[in-house]
Amino acid sequence: MKRYFVFIIYMVLMIAVSFTAVFAGEAVIVVSYAGEIGITPPDSDEPVANTPGMILSENTVIITGEESHIDITFGRVKNNMIRIKDNSKVIIEPVNGNKVSLEKGQVTVLLKDVKKGETFLVNTPGAVCGTRGTGWNVKTDGDVTSVAVFEGRVFTRGINSDGSVMEAEYWVDEGYKRRIKKLEHPGEMIGLTQAEREEIRWN
């Protein structure tokens, strides 16, 4: 009986913590998806069934198939969203840290309500990209990262061979992109073509 009582208390506390996180705007939530999506929680080796409204925990792995995508939001009000495009692999980093790791593929980020003093980050094998309140796209094949901005301004830094982030910070202005090769500093800003603007916009 005592063990049963302790178990009940534990479950109530877990539900309370989850409830608080969601309504504090800290939860990462699946908004919608299309096509083949694999969501693997950190405590599992196999993908689980996913549905709109599903809450994603830290270190959850998301893999999208051909002609597939998934939209996730950082907070229930849907002001800060990411679209993970097809043939991509993303890992959800610490929920309170506003960060994802893009191992391969492409994501589009649309931010409208990042808290004061916080920065939203997208890490790739070769670069760190981040900003506050803007719209941008990150694409990587694991060797080269491309950062393109359709709204606002984004900073990016290269990554050293030991995994540390380079000190030099490079900005990408609205309507431009930069390419970052692994172990190198970001390249020059290049203007986006109209076709590129249309491709990376949130739609």
C-alpha atoms as a PDB file:
ATOM      1  CA  MET A   1       0.000   0.000   0.000  1.00  0.00           C
ATOM      2  CA  LYS A   2       2.825   2.387   0.876  1.00  0.00           C
ATOM      3  CA  ARG A   3       4.541   1.741  -2.470  1.00  0.00           C
ATOM      4  CA  TYR A   4       1.263   2.314  -4.294  1.00  0.00           C
ATOM      5  CA  PHE A   5       0.765   5.620  -2.469  1.00  0.00           C
ATOM      6  CA  VAL A   6       4.312   6.766  -3.341  1.00  0.00           C
ATOM      7  CA  PHE A   7       3.717   5.849  -6.985  1.00  0.00           C
ATOM      8  CA  ILE A   8       0.497   7.893  -7.080  1.00  0.00           C
ATOM      9  CA  ILE A   9       2.269  10.918  -5.575  1.00  0.00           C
ATOM     10  CA  TYR A  10       5.064  10.563  -8.138  1.00  0.00           C
ATOM     11  CA  MET A  11       2.622  10.461 -11.054  1.00  0.00           C
ATOM     12  CA  VAL A  12       0.731  13.500  -9.773  1.00  0.00           C
ATOM     13  CA  LEU A  13       3.992  15.446  -9.517  1.00  0.00           C
ATOM     14  CA  MET A  14       5.029  14.456 -13.052  1.00  0.00           C
ATOM     15  CA  ILE A  15       1.680  15.559 -14.455  1.00  0.00           C
ATOM     16  CA  ALA A  16       1.899  18.838 -12.543  1.00  0.00           C
ATOM     17  CA  VAL A  17       5.401  19.539 -13.895  1.00  0.00           C
ATOM     18  CA  SER A  18       4.285  18.833 -17.472  1.00  0.00           C
ATOM     19  CA  PHE A  19       1.182  21.002 -17.046  1.00  0.00           C
ATOM     20  CA  THR A  20       3.258  23.893 -15.679  1.00  0.00           C
ATOM     21  CA  ALA A  21       5.812  23.644 -18.494  1.00  0.00           C
ATOM     22  CA  VAL A  22       3.139  23.724 -21.178  1.00  0.00           C
ATOM     23  CA  PHE A  23       1.347  26.775 -19.837  1.00  0.00           C
ATOM     24  CA  ALA A  24       4.590  28.572 -19.070  1.00  0.00           C
ATOM     25  CA  GLY A  25       5.274  28.463 -22.807  1.00  0.00           C
ATOM     26  CA  GLU A  26       8.271  26.147 -22.391  1.00  0.00           C
ATOM     27  CA  ALA A  27       6.931  23.015 -24.064  1.00  0.00           C
ATOM     28  CA  VAL A  28       7.909  21.904 -27.550  1.00  0.00           C
ATOM     29  CA  ILE A  29       4.708  20.776 -29.266  1.00  0.00           C
ATOM     30  CA  VAL A  30       3.866  19.144 -32.594  1.00  0.00           C
ATOM     31  CA  VAL A  31       1.506  21.445 -34.522  1.00  0.00           C
ATOM     32  CA  SER A  32       1.043  19.528 -37.774  1.00  0.00           C
ATOM     33  CA  TYR A  33       2.828  17.181 -40.134  1.00  0.00           C
ATOM     34  CA  ALA A  34       2.570  15.615 -43.566  1.00  0.00           C
ATOM     35  CA  GLY A  35       4.148  12.497 -45.025  1.00  0.00           C
ATOM     36  CA  GLU A  36       6.533  10.114 -43.305  1.00  0.00           C
ATOM     37  CA  ILE A  37       7.697  11.371 -39.903  1.00  0.00           C
ATOM     38  CA  GLY A  38       9.733   9.457 -37.318  1.00  0.00           C
ATOM     39  CA  ILE A  39       9.740  10.773 -33.731  1.00  0.00           C
ATOM     40  CA  THR A  40      11.988   8.860 -31.313  1.00  0.00           C
ATOM     41  CA  PRO A  41      11.899   9.871 -27.623  1.00  0.00           C
ATOM     42  CA  PRO A  42      15.174   9.772 -25.648  1.00  0.00           C
ATOM     43  CA  ASP A  43      14.038   6.695 -23.693  1.00  0.00           C
ATOM     44  CA  SER A  44      13.224   4.660 -26.816  1.00  0.00           C
ATOM     45  CA  ASP A  45      15.083   3.024 -29.705  1.00  0.00           C
ATOM     46  CA  GLU A  46      12.052   3.036 -31.988  1.00  0.00           C
ATOM     47  CA  PRO A  47       9.839   5.836 -33.351  1.00  0.00           C
ATOM     48  CA  VAL A  48       6.485   6.311 -31.624  1.00  0.00           C
ATOM     49  CA  ALA A  49       3.090   7.285 -32.992  1.00  0.00           C
ATOM     50  CA  ASN A  50       2.858  11.069 -33.334  1.00  0.00           C
ATOM     51  CA  THR A  51      -0.148  13.353 -33.342  1.00  0.00           C
ATOM     52  CA  PRO A  52      -0.769  17.123 -33.354  1.00  0.00           C
ATOM     53  CA  GLY A  53      -0.460  18.335 -29.760  1.00  0.00           C
ATOM     54  CA  MET A  54       2.213  15.812 -28.863  1.00  0.00           C
ATOM     55  CA  ILE A  55       4.769  17.233 -26.402  1.00  0.00           C
ATOM     56  CA  LEU A  56       8.422  16.598 -27.286  1.00  0.00           C
ATOM     57  CA  SER A  57      11.038  16.189 -24.574  1.00  0.00           C
ATOM     58  CA  GLU A  58      14.726  17.065 -24.608  1.00  0.00           C
ATOM     59  CA  ASN A  59      16.866  14.822 -26.873  1.00  0.00           C
ATOM     60  CA  THR A  60      13.888  13.699 -28.952  1.00  0.00           C
ATOM     61  CA  VAL A  61      15.027  12.809 -32.493  1.00  0.00           C
ATOM     62  CA  ILE A  62      12.868  13.795 -35.492  1.00  0.00           C
ATOM     63  CA  ILE A  63      13.490  12.331 -38.940  1.00  0.00           C
ATOM     64  CA  THR A  64      11.455  13.324 -41.994  1.00  0.00           C
ATOM     65  CA  GLY A  65      11.066  11.260 -45.167  1.00  0.00           C
ATOM     66  CA  GLU A  66      10.806  12.221 -48.816  1.00  0.00           C
ATOM     67  CA  GLU A  67       8.268  15.008 -49.499  1.00  0.00           C
ATOM     68  CA  SER A  68       7.456  15.225 -45.781  1.00  0.00           C
ATOM     69  CA  HIS A  69       7.568  17.977 -43.180  1.00  0.00           C
ATOM     70  CA  ILE A  70       6.613  18.647 -39.574  1.00  0.00           C
ATOM     71  CA  ASP A  71       5.840  21.928 -37.792  1.00  0.00           C
ATOM     72  CA  ILE A  72       6.724  22.273 -34.108  1.00  0.00           C
ATOM     73  CA  THR A  73       6.200  25.206 -31.765  1.00  0.00           C
ATOM     74  CA  PHE A  74       8.146  26.333 -28.714  1.00  0.00           C
ATOM     75  CA  GLY A  75       5.158  27.315 -26.571  1.00  0.00           C
ATOM     76  CA  ARG A  76       1.438  26.764 -26.963  1.00  0.00           C
ATOM     77  CA  VAL A  77       0.717  30.202 -28.482  1.00  0.00           C
ATOM     78  CA  LYS A  78       2.561  29.237 -31.702  1.00  0.00           C
ATOM     79  CA  ASN A  79       4.597  32.434 -31.912  1.00  0.00           C
ATOM     80  CA  ASN A  80       7.923  30.609 -32.238  1.00  0.00           C
ATOM     81  CA  MET A  81       7.795  27.811 -34.780  1.00  0.00           C
ATOM     82  CA  ILE A  82      10.085  25.572 -36.816  1.00  0.00           C
ATOM     83  CA  ARG A  83       9.255  23.677 -39.981  1.00  0.00           C
ATOM     84  CA  ILE A  84      11.488  20.642 -40.421  1.00  0.00           C
ATOM     85  CA  LYS A  85      11.527  19.916 -44.129  1.00  0.00           C
ATOM     86  CA  ASP A  86      11.927  16.620 -45.986  1.00  0.00           C
ATOM     87  CA  ASN A  87      14.957  14.322 -45.647  1.00  0.00           C
ATOM     88  CA  SER A  88      16.051  15.985 -42.412  1.00  0.00           C
ATOM     89  CA  LYS A  89      17.262  14.891 -38.985  1.00  0.00           C
ATOM     90  CA  VAL A  90      16.764  17.199 -35.996  1.00  0.00           C
ATOM     91  CA  ILE A  91      17.423  16.740 -32.281  1.00  0.00           C
ATOM     92  CA  ILE A  92      15.491  18.801 -29.730  1.00  0.00           C
ATOM     93  CA  GLU A  93      17.988  20.370 -27.336  1.00  0.00           C
ATOM     94  CA  PRO A  94      17.158  21.611 -23.792  1.00  0.00           C
ATOM     95  CA  VAL A  95      13.592  22.943 -23.942  1.00  0.00           C
ATOM     96  CA  ASN A  96      14.379  26.014 -21.856  1.00  0.00           C
ATOM     97  CA  GLY A  97      17.414  26.725 -24.042  1.00  0.00           C
ATOM     98  CA  ASN A  98      15.443  27.354 -27.267  1.00  0.00           C
ATOM     99  CA  LYS A  99      17.778  25.261 -29.390  1.00  0.00           C
ATOM    100  CA  VAL A 100      17.704  22.461 -31.951  1.00  0.00           C
ATOM    101  CA  SER A 101      20.495  20.545 -33.666  1.00  0.00           C
ATOM    102  CA  LEU A 102      20.123  20.026 -37.407  1.00  0.00           C
ATOM    103  CA  GLU A 103      22.331  17.070 -38.324  1.00  0.00           C
ATOM    104  CA  LYS A 104      21.244  17.062 -41.950  1.00  0.00           C
ATOM    105  CA  GLY A 105      18.496  18.534 -44.110  1.00  0.00           C
ATOM    106  CA  GLN A 106      16.683  21.846 -43.792  1.00  0.00           C
ATOM    107  CA  VAL A 107      14.608  23.846 -41.320  1.00  0.00           C
ATOM    108  CA  THR A 108      12.711  27.121 -41.605  1.00  0.00           C
ATOM    109  CA  VAL A 109      12.461  29.191 -38.422  1.00  0.00           C
ATOM    110  CA  LEU A 110       9.775  31.798 -37.713  1.00  0.00           C
ATOM    111  CA  LEU A 111      10.191  33.658 -34.420  1.00  0.00           C
ATOM    112  CA  LYS A 112       7.830  36.314 -33.090  1.00  0.00           C
ATOM    113  CA  ASP A 113       8.127  36.115 -29.319  1.00  0.00           C
ATOM    114  CA  VAL A 114      11.568  35.184 -27.978  1.00  0.00           C
ATOM    115  CA  LYS A 115      11.934  36.289 -24.353  1.00  0.00           C
ATOM    116  CA  LYS A 116      14.182  39.260 -23.590  1.00  0.00           C
ATOM    117  CA  GLY A 117      17.783  38.165 -23.202  1.00  0.00           C
ATOM    118  CA  GLU A 118      17.221  34.796 -24.911  1.00  0.00           C
ATOM    119  CA  THR A 119      18.506  33.698 -28.307  1.00  0.00           C
ATOM    120  CA  PHE A 120      17.065  30.921 -30.432  1.00  0.00           C
ATOM    121  CA  LEU A 121      19.786  28.674 -31.887  1.00  0.00           C
ATOM    122  CA  VAL A 122      20.057  26.147 -34.690  1.00  0.00           C
ATOM    123  CA  ASN A 123      23.269  24.118 -34.485  1.00  0.00           C
ATOM    124  CA  THR A 124      24.657  22.130 -37.409  1.00  0.00           C
ATOM    125  CA  PRO A 125      27.846  20.029 -37.640  1.00  0.00           C
ATOM    126  CA  GLY A 126      29.664  23.062 -39.035  1.00  0.00           C
ATOM    127  CA  ALA A 127      27.960  26.175 -37.666  1.00  0.00           C
ATOM    128  CA  VAL A 128      25.896  27.856 -34.960  1.00  0.00           C
ATOM    129  CA  CYS A 129      23.101  30.174 -36.118  1.00  0.00           C
ATOM    130  CA  GLY A 130      20.832  32.296 -33.968  1.00  0.00           C
ATOM    131  CA  THR A 131      18.748  35.405 -33.509  1.00  0.00           C
ATOM    132  CA  ARG A 132      15.729  37.020 -31.855  1.00  0.00           C
ATOM    133  CA  GLY A 133      12.407  37.640 -33.613  1.00  0.00           C
ATOM    134  CA  THR A 134      12.904  36.847 -37.286  1.00  0.00           C
ATOM    135  CA  GLY A 135      12.426  34.405 -40.170  1.00  0.00           C
ATOM    136  CA  TRP A 136      15.238  32.335 -41.618  1.00  0.00           C
ATOM    137  CA  ASN A 137      16.252  29.037 -43.169  1.00  0.00           C
ATOM    138  CA  VAL A 138      19.147  26.703 -42.386  1.00  0.00           C
ATOM    139  CA  LYS A 139      20.280  23.905 -44.696  1.00  0.00           C
ATOM    140  CA  THR A 140      23.172  21.457 -44.221  1.00  0.00           C
ATOM    141  CA  ASP A 141      24.585  18.269 -45.645  1.00  0.00           C
ATOM    142  CA  GLY A 142      26.874  17.857 -42.637  1.00  0.00           C
ATOM    143  CA  ASP A 143      29.801  19.532 -44.372  1.00  0.00           C
ATOM    144  CA  VAL A 144      28.421  22.844 -45.669  1.00  0.00           C
ATOM    145  CA  THR A 145      25.760  24.942 -43.928  1.00  0.00           C
ATOM    146  CA  SER A 146      23.732  27.624 -45.697  1.00  0.00           C
ATOM    147  CA  VAL A 147      21.892  30.322 -43.733  1.00  0.00           C
ATOM    148  CA  ALA A 148      19.323  32.416 -45.623  1.00  0.00           C
ATOM    149  CA  VAL A 149      17.200  35.208 -44.119  1.00  0.00           C
ATOM    150  CA  PHE A 150      13.772  36.320 -45.353  1.00  0.00           C
ATOM    151  CA  GLU A 151      12.873  38.468 -42.337  1.00  0.00           C
ATOM    152  CA  GLY A 152      15.092  40.245 -39.810  1.00  0.00           C
ATOM    153  CA  ARG A 153      18.761  39.437 -39.163  1.00  0.00           C
ATOM    154  CA  VAL A 154      20.688  36.324 -38.087  1.00  0.00           C
ATOM    155  CA  PHE A 155      24.176  35.754 -36.707  1.00  0.00           C
ATOM    156  CA  THR A 156      26.340  32.741 -37.465  1.00  0.00           C
ATOM    157  CA  ARG A 157      29.667  31.351 -36.276  1.00  0.00           C
ATOM    158  CA  GLY A 158      31.886  28.518 -37.437  1.00  0.00           C
ATOM    159  CA  ILE A 159      32.850  25.528 -35.286  1.00  0.00           C
ATOM    160  CA  ASN A 160      36.427  24.474 -34.474  1.00  0.00           C
ATOM    161  CA  SER A 161      37.803  20.944 -34.798  1.00  0.00           C
ATOM    162  CA  ASP A 162      37.460  20.439 -31.023  1.00  0.00           C
ATOM    163  CA  GLY A 163      33.744  21.288 -31.171  1.00  0.00           C
ATOM    164  CA  SER A 164      34.081  24.757 -29.657  1.00  0.00           C
ATOM    165  CA  VAL A 165      32.390  27.736 -31.309  1.00  0.00           C
ATOM    166  CA  MET A 166      34.590  30.272 -33.094  1.00  0.00           C
ATOM    167  CA  GLU A 167      34.628  33.731 -31.528  1.00  0.00           C
ATOM    168  CA  ALA A 168      34.112  35.685 -34.751  1.00  0.00           C
ATOM    169  CA  GLU A 169      30.437  36.445 -35.346  1.00  0.00           C
ATOM    170  CA  TYR A 170      29.039  37.134 -38.810  1.00  0.00           C
ATOM    171  CA  TRP A 171      25.621  38.644 -39.503  1.00  0.00           C
ATOM    172  CA  VAL A 172      23.286  37.685 -42.324  1.00  0.00           C
ATOM    173  CA  ASP A 173      20.936  40.491 -43.337  1.00  0.00           C
ATOM    174  CA  GLU A 174      17.406  40.159 -44.673  1.00  0.00           C
ATOM    175  CA  GLY A 175      17.438  39.085 -48.304  1.00  0.00           C
ATOM    176  CA  TYR A 176      20.904  37.509 -48.068  1.00  0.00           C
ATOM    177  CA  LYS A 177      22.601  34.212 -47.304  1.00  0.00           C
ATOM    178  CA  ARG A 178      25.990  32.926 -46.145  1.00  0.00           C
ATOM    179  CA  ARG A 179      27.619  29.535 -46.630  1.00  0.00           C
ATOM    180  CA  ILE A 180      29.741  28.048 -43.853  1.00  0.00           C
ATOM    181  CA  LYS A 181      32.070  25.171 -44.661  1.00  0.00           C
ATOM    182  CA  LYS A 182      32.951  22.877 -41.772  1.00  0.00           C
ATOM    183  CA  LEU A 183      35.951  24.131 -39.737  1.00  0.00           C
ATOM    184  CA  GLU A 184      35.910  27.476 -41.570  1.00  0.00           C
ATOM    185  CA  HIS A 185      34.543  30.961 -40.935  1.00  0.00           C
ATOM    186  CA  PRO A 186      31.287  31.946 -42.703  1.00  0.00           C
ATOM    187  CA  GLY A 187      31.700  33.131 -46.285  1.00  0.00           C
ATOM    188  CA  GLU A 188      30.567  36.435 -47.781  1.00  0.00           C
ATOM    189  CA  MET A 189      26.927  37.531 -47.882  1.00  0.00           C
ATOM    190  CA  ILE A 190      25.233  36.746 -51.174  1.00  0.00           C
ATOM    191  CA  GLY A 191      21.911  38.217 -52.261  1.00  0.00           C
ATOM    192  CA  LEU A 192      18.989  35.808 -52.539  1.00  0.00           C
ATOM    193  CA  THR A 193      17.305  35.332 -55.886  1.00  0.00           C
ATOM    194  CA  GLN A 194      13.530  35.679 -56.066  1.00  0.00           C
ATOM    195  CA  ALA A 195      13.255  31.916 -56.479  1.00  0.00           C
ATOM    196  CA  GLU A 196      15.314  31.353 -53.321  1.00  0.00           C
ATOM    197  CA  ARG A 197      13.168  33.824 -51.390  1.00  0.00           C
ATOM    198  CA  GLU A 198      10.029  31.960 -52.370  1.00  0.00           C
ATOM    199  CA  GLU A 199      11.575  28.586 -51.566  1.00  0.00           C
ATOM    200  CA  ILE A 200      12.631  29.426 -48.022  1.00  0.00           C
ATOM    201  CA  ARG A 201       9.646  31.514 -46.917  1.00  0.00           C
ATOM    202  CA  TRP A 202       7.206  30.012 -44.460  1.00  0.00           C
ATOM    203  CA  ASN A 203       4.174  28.925 -46.462  1.00  0.00           C
END
